[in-house]
Every structure is written in C-alpha cells, then in structure tokens.
C-alpha cells in the first residue's frame, strides 16, 4: 500500500510529498498470465533496470509474508514499498513513465483499453485460472468446469464485440489491452483444451484474426516464448525439480550453518 504523510492540510500544497522509490524487482513467473502481462508492458516501455525474480515462497504458501494477497506479480521498490496486483502495477508503470504510457492518448481510447483489458482479466484469465483444478479427468467435477467455461465463452463474446479490427486490440498502437490479451489468449489456446473444451478463439472472427497478427509483434512473441517455456517446464517436471533443488540447498546451508 502506498502511503503519504498528511498533517490536516487546509490547502493541497500542505501535503507532504510521497518520496518516490526506485523499482528494483518484479516477483514473477514465466507461466503466470498476470505476471506476463506486466513483463510485456515493461518490455514494450523499454524499461531495462527491473530485476525479475521467481519467489520460491510462492510454492510454500509464504508469499503472503511479502504481500498479503499472496500471489504474483508483486513489484518492490528500493525503499521497501510493495505493490501487488497486475492491473495496479500496470497503471503505476504508466504513471511513473508518462512519456511511454500505454493506456492511450484520449479518454475514449483509454476507456476502451480498460474495457478490453478488464474482459481479458476477469472473464478469460480469472475463470481459466479457477478451472485449472478441473484439468485432471479423474478428479474433475464437470459442473464446475462447465460453469467456468460458460463465463469464458461469455467473455470471448464480449471481446469479439469490443476488440478492434486492426493489428492491435485498441487503436493503432500497442496498449495495456494487448499486454493483458496476449497471455489470456495463450491460456485459451493452450490450457482450455486440456479441460476437454474447444479453444474458444476458434469460434470468433475478429479475435482469431487479432490473435494471428499479434503473435508476430516482438513483445508479444517474447512473452509467448516465456510462457511456452514455463508450460513445458511444468509439464515435464522441470519446474518441480528446480523447486526441490532450491529448498534442498536451503536445508543443506542451514545444516552446515
């Protein structure tokens, strides 16, 4: 939470200014769509001095010691400020670097950017994320899977109506809407079929055309490569092995302590 000291001001000038820290780290993971959204924005804005780190505490349930929400992404500044939630981080980056802001340059475009991003975040990513426990067929509850996939279908219908006709989701430049959509559509293509449900992109025209075009964008391509890597590491057991090795090193260091 960002805070600012206040001493009962009678005018705006009497507010003590918040001392801006320098962003030093983004706690992230290759496969996390919410983290991927922020990384794509960082790449597109040309920010090069933020360190990316996978928080192994995420796998022990102790990430909440860093951020009460307990989920990635989390941004950390050198003054100790912690900023969670992808949408909050995204807008914070735009505020910090207004010359490279990605929310659009008119009120109407900014509204559309927020709308498309919200559809991708709430109706696509969130419902697919909640459906992940239904991937294993032997423990699947069809009613839960179907309920969540209906929301994905609903979101895809809304996206089909509101997405632009050009190379980008909104307007003629890359925006936060694209940064949210790329990982969301990755999940639609790569994860939804594992639930024995058709990829919802296939039932669209505008979204399908957008998906084909955006994958050739350099920043989208970089994010998709990272997400494919994360998916492969999860499926082939590499992720699990890396986690086990990390905690084995910590245990050994304590024993040799």
Protein backbone atom coordinates (compact mmCIF):
# COMPACT_ATOMS: atom_id res chain seq x y z
CA UNK A 1 0.00 0.00 0.00
CA UNK A 2 1.31 3.42 -0.96
CA UNK A 3 1.06 5.97 1.82
CA UNK A 4 1.53 9.70 2.10
CA UNK A 5 2.03 11.68 5.31
CA UNK A 6 -0.71 14.26 5.91
CA UNK A 7 -0.91 16.98 8.55
CA UNK A 8 -4.53 18.19 8.36
CA UNK A 9 -3.92 20.43 5.34
CA UNK A 10 -6.07 23.42 4.57
CA UNK A 11 -4.66 23.57 1.05
CA UNK A 12 -3.30 20.95 -1.33
CA UNK A 13 0.18 22.48 -1.06
CA UNK A 14 0.42 21.44 2.57
CA UNK A 15 0.53 17.73 1.72
CA UNK A 16 3.95 16.24 2.32
CA UNK A 17 5.06 14.68 -0.99
CA UNK A 18 5.48 10.91 -1.17
CA UNK A 19 9.14 10.07 -1.60
CA UNK A 20 9.24 8.01 -4.77
CA UNK A 21 11.34 4.85 -4.52
CA UNK A 22 13.11 3.21 -7.42
CA UNK A 23 11.63 -0.01 -8.77
CA UNK A 24 14.20 -2.71 -8.26
CA UNK A 25 12.37 -6.01 -8.61
CA UNK A 26 9.34 -7.76 -10.06
CA UNK A 27 8.41 -11.05 -8.44
CA UNK A 28 7.15 -13.03 -11.39
CA UNK A 29 6.91 -16.44 -13.05
CA UNK A 30 7.14 -17.38 -16.73
CA UNK A 31 3.76 -19.14 -16.86
CA UNK A 32 1.79 -16.71 -14.70
CA UNK A 33 -0.50 -14.79 -17.10
CA UNK A 34 -0.83 -11.88 -14.69
CA UNK A 35 2.95 -11.62 -14.41
CA UNK A 36 3.32 -11.99 -18.18
CA UNK A 37 1.00 -9.02 -18.64
CA UNK A 38 3.32 -6.78 -16.60
CA UNK A 39 6.51 -8.13 -18.19
CA UNK A 40 5.15 -7.43 -21.68
CA UNK A 41 4.42 -3.85 -20.65
CA UNK A 42 7.92 -3.47 -19.19
CA UNK A 43 9.46 -4.77 -22.43
CA UNK A 44 7.29 -2.51 -24.59
CA UNK A 45 8.05 0.57 -22.48
CA UNK A 46 11.79 -0.09 -22.79
CA UNK A 47 12.39 -0.37 -19.04
CA UNK A 48 15.58 -2.37 -18.57
CA UNK A 49 16.64 -1.96 -14.94
CA UNK A 50 13.99 -4.06 -13.19
CA UNK A 51 15.16 -7.45 -11.96
CA UNK A 52 12.79 -10.40 -12.47
CA UNK A 53 12.74 -12.97 -9.69
CA UNK A 54 10.72 -16.13 -9.14
CA UNK A 55 9.69 -16.12 -5.45
CA UNK A 56 10.06 -19.70 -4.23
CA UNK A 57 7.95 -18.72 -1.24
CA UNK A 58 5.04 -18.88 -3.71
CA UNK A 59 5.29 -22.67 -3.56
CA UNK A 60 5.27 -22.88 0.24
CA UNK A 61 2.34 -20.56 0.85
CA UNK A 62 4.60 -17.96 2.42
CA UNK A 63 4.48 -15.29 -0.28
CA UNK A 64 1.91 -13.56 1.93
CA UNK A 65 4.81 -12.62 4.20
CA UNK A 66 5.92 -10.32 1.38
CA UNK A 67 2.49 -9.38 0.06
CA UNK A 68 -0.75 -10.15 1.95
CA UNK A 69 -2.53 -11.18 -1.25
CA UNK A 70 0.00 -13.98 -1.66
CA UNK A 71 0.03 -14.01 -5.47
CA UNK A 72 2.35 -12.80 -8.20
CA UNK A 73 3.17 -10.38 -9.69
CA UNK A 74 4.50 -8.18 -6.90
CA UNK A 75 6.65 -5.12 -7.52
CA UNK A 76 9.23 -3.97 -4.97
CA UNK A 77 10.95 -0.60 -4.68
CA UNK A 78 14.27 0.16 -3.00
CA UNK A 79 12.50 1.97 -0.15
CA UNK A 80 10.62 -1.22 0.74
CA UNK A 81 7.34 -0.28 -0.94
CA UNK A 82 5.45 -3.37 -2.12
CA UNK A 83 2.90 -3.08 -4.93
CA UNK A 84 0.79 -6.18 -5.74
CA UNK A 85 -1.85 -6.87 -8.41
CA UNK A 86 -1.07 -6.74 -12.14
CA UNK A 87 -3.57 -4.00 -13.01
CA UNK A 88 -2.30 -1.75 -10.21
CA UNK A 89 1.32 -2.32 -11.25
CA UNK A 90 0.41 -1.67 -14.87
CA UNK A 91 -1.15 1.71 -14.16
CA UNK A 92 1.66 2.57 -11.75
CA UNK A 93 4.22 2.00 -14.51
CA UNK A 94 2.23 4.30 -16.80
CA UNK A 95 2.20 6.99 -14.11
CA UNK A 96 5.93 6.63 -13.49
CA UNK A 97 6.86 6.80 -17.17
CA UNK A 98 4.18 9.00 -18.78
CA UNK A 99 6.28 9.57 -21.88
CA UNK A 100 5.91 5.87 -22.68
CA UNK A 101 2.44 5.35 -21.18
CA UNK A 102 0.37 2.57 -22.75
CA UNK A 103 -3.18 3.47 -21.71
CA UNK A 104 -3.92 5.51 -24.83
CA UNK A 105 -3.87 9.23 -25.58
CA UNK A 106 -7.58 10.13 -25.50
CA UNK A 107 -10.34 9.48 -22.92
CA UNK A 108 -12.24 7.27 -25.38
CA UNK A 109 -9.21 5.14 -26.22
CA UNK A 110 -8.29 4.84 -22.54
CA UNK A 111 -11.82 3.67 -21.77
CA UNK A 112 -11.64 1.04 -24.50
CA UNK A 113 -8.20 -0.07 -23.34
CA UNK A 114 -9.51 -0.55 -19.81
CA UNK A 115 -12.60 -2.37 -21.09
CA UNK A 116 -10.72 -4.88 -23.24
CA UNK A 117 -8.13 -5.41 -20.52
CA UNK A 118 -10.88 -5.98 -17.96
CA UNK A 119 -12.64 -8.53 -20.18
CA UNK A 120 -9.39 -10.44 -20.66
CA UNK A 121 -8.50 -10.27 -16.98
CA UNK A 122 -11.84 -11.04 -15.31
CA UNK A 123 -13.77 -13.14 -17.82
CA UNK A 124 -10.93 -15.03 -19.50
CA UNK A 125 -7.86 -15.34 -17.27
CA UNK A 126 -9.65 -15.47 -13.93
CA UNK A 127 -12.14 -18.16 -14.97
CA UNK A 128 -9.49 -20.28 -16.70
CA UNK A 129 -7.27 -19.93 -13.64
CA UNK A 130 -10.09 -21.15 -11.37
CA UNK A 131 -10.74 -24.06 -13.75
CA UNK A 132 -7.18 -25.42 -13.53
CA UNK A 133 -8.05 -27.91 -10.74
CA UNK A 134 -10.51 -29.47 -13.22
CA UNK A 135 -7.77 -30.47 -15.70
CA UNK A 136 -7.24 -34.00 -14.26
CA UNK A 137 -10.10 -36.13 -15.59
CA UNK A 138 -10.16 -38.49 -12.60
CA UNK A 139 -10.98 -35.71 -10.13
CA UNK A 140 -12.87 -33.36 -12.43
CA UNK A 141 -16.28 -32.03 -11.46
CA UNK A 142 -17.96 -31.43 -14.82
CA UNK A 143 -20.47 -28.96 -13.38
CA UNK A 144 -17.68 -26.70 -12.09
CA UNK A 145 -15.74 -26.95 -15.36
CA UNK A 146 -18.86 -26.16 -17.39
CA UNK A 147 -19.86 -23.21 -15.20
CA UNK A 148 -16.43 -21.60 -15.53
CA UNK A 149 -16.18 -22.27 -19.26
CA UNK A 150 -19.57 -20.61 -19.79
CA UNK A 151 -18.06 -17.47 -18.30
CA UNK A 152 -15.07 -17.78 -20.65
CA UNK A 153 -17.47 -18.11 -23.60
CA UNK A 154 -19.36 -15.06 -22.35
CA UNK A 155 -16.13 -13.09 -22.09
CA UNK A 156 -15.00 -14.15 -25.55
CA UNK A 157 -18.30 -12.95 -26.98
CA UNK A 158 -17.82 -9.57 -25.34
CA UNK A 159 -14.24 -9.42 -26.58
CA UNK A 160 -15.37 -10.22 -30.13
CA UNK A 161 -17.66 -7.20 -29.99
CA UNK A 162 -15.23 -4.71 -28.46
CA UNK A 163 -11.84 -5.65 -29.96
CA UNK A 164 -10.52 -3.51 -32.81
CA UNK A 165 -10.19 -4.55 -36.45
CA UNK A 166 -6.53 -3.59 -36.86
CA UNK A 167 -3.23 -5.05 -35.75
CA UNK A 168 -3.80 -4.09 -32.11
CA UNK A 169 -6.61 -4.64 -29.62
CA UNK A 170 -7.48 -0.94 -29.40
CA UNK A 171 -6.44 1.81 -31.81
CA UNK A 172 -3.31 1.64 -33.93
CA UNK A 173 -0.62 1.17 -31.28
CA UNK A 174 0.30 -1.40 -28.67
CA UNK A 175 -1.51 -0.73 -25.37
CA UNK A 176 -2.09 -2.33 -21.99
CA UNK A 177 -5.06 -4.08 -23.60
CA UNK A 178 -2.62 -6.09 -25.75
CA UNK A 179 -0.42 -6.81 -22.74
CA UNK A 180 -3.41 -8.38 -20.97
CA UNK A 181 -4.87 -10.12 -24.01
CA UNK A 182 -1.74 -11.93 -25.16
CA UNK A 183 -1.36 -14.10 -22.03
CA UNK A 184 -5.15 -14.51 -21.79
CA UNK A 185 -5.39 -15.85 -25.33
CA UNK A 186 -2.38 -18.09 -24.68
CA UNK A 187 -4.42 -19.71 -21.90
CA UNK A 188 -7.43 -20.05 -24.21
CA UNK A 189 -5.31 -21.84 -26.79
CA UNK A 190 -3.02 -23.90 -24.56
CA UNK A 191 -4.97 -24.57 -21.35
CA UNK A 192 -8.68 -24.69 -22.19
CA UNK A 193 -8.31 -27.76 -24.50
CA UNK A 194 -6.76 -29.63 -21.54
CA UNK A 195 -10.19 -29.30 -19.92
CA UNK A 196 -11.66 -31.18 -22.92
CA UNK A 197 -13.23 -27.96 -24.14
CA UNK A 198 -12.64 -26.41 -27.55
CA UNK A 199 -10.32 -23.42 -27.77
CA UNK A 200 -12.83 -20.51 -27.60
CA UNK A 201 -10.80 -18.42 -30.04
CA UNK A 202 -11.85 -20.78 -32.82
CA UNK A 203 -15.48 -19.63 -32.56
CA UNK A 204 -14.55 -15.99 -33.28
CA UNK A 205 -13.59 -13.94 -36.32
CA UNK A 206 -12.15 -10.66 -35.05
CA UNK A 207 -10.39 -12.19 -32.05
CA UNK A 208 -8.97 -15.01 -34.17
CA UNK A 209 -7.66 -12.50 -36.74
CA UNK A 210 -6.13 -10.40 -33.96
CA UNK A 211 -4.51 -13.44 -32.37
CA UNK A 212 -2.85 -14.41 -35.64
CA UNK A 213 -1.47 -10.89 -36.15
CA UNK A 214 -0.37 -10.02 -32.61
CA UNK A 215 1.84 -13.09 -32.31
CA UNK A 216 4.26 -11.52 -34.78
CA UNK A 217 4.71 -8.45 -32.56
CA UNK A 218 8.18 -8.60 -30.98
CA UNK A 219 6.99 -8.04 -27.42
CA UNK A 220 4.09 -10.47 -27.71
CA UNK A 221 6.41 -13.06 -29.25
CA UNK A 222 8.85 -12.67 -26.35
CA UNK A 223 6.12 -13.17 -23.76
CA UNK A 224 4.66 -16.17 -25.60
CA UNK A 225 8.11 -17.78 -25.75
CA UNK A 226 8.46 -17.32 -21.99
CA UNK A 227 5.01 -18.74 -21.33
CA UNK A 228 5.65 -21.75 -23.58
CA UNK A 229 8.89 -22.34 -21.66
CA UNK A 230 7.01 -22.15 -18.36
CA UNK A 231 4.33 -24.52 -19.63
CA UNK A 232 6.93 -27.03 -20.83
CA UNK A 233 8.80 -26.90 -17.53
CA UNK A 234 5.60 -27.54 -15.61
CA UNK A 235 4.51 -30.43 -17.81
CA UNK A 236 7.88 -32.19 -17.99
CA UNK A 237 8.64 -31.85 -14.28
CA UNK A 238 11.48 -29.33 -14.63
CA UNK A 239 9.65 -26.76 -12.52
CA UNK A 240 9.12 -29.26 -9.71
CA UNK A 241 12.77 -30.33 -9.84
CA UNK A 242 14.02 -26.72 -9.68
CA UNK A 243 11.81 -26.03 -6.66
CA UNK A 244 13.03 -29.17 -4.88
CA UNK A 245 16.66 -28.29 -5.62
CA UNK A 246 16.18 -24.77 -4.28
CA UNK A 247 14.80 -25.93 -0.96
CA UNK A 248 17.37 -28.72 -0.71
CA UNK A 249 20.14 -26.09 -0.96
CA UNK A 250 18.48 -24.03 1.77
CA UNK A 251 18.20 -27.07 4.03
CA UNK A 252 21.84 -28.02 3.40
CA UNK A 253 23.02 -24.47 4.14
CA UNK A 254 21.13 -24.48 7.45
CA UNK A 255 22.61 -27.86 8.40
CA UNK A 256 26.11 -26.62 7.62
CA UNK A 257 25.29 -23.34 9.25
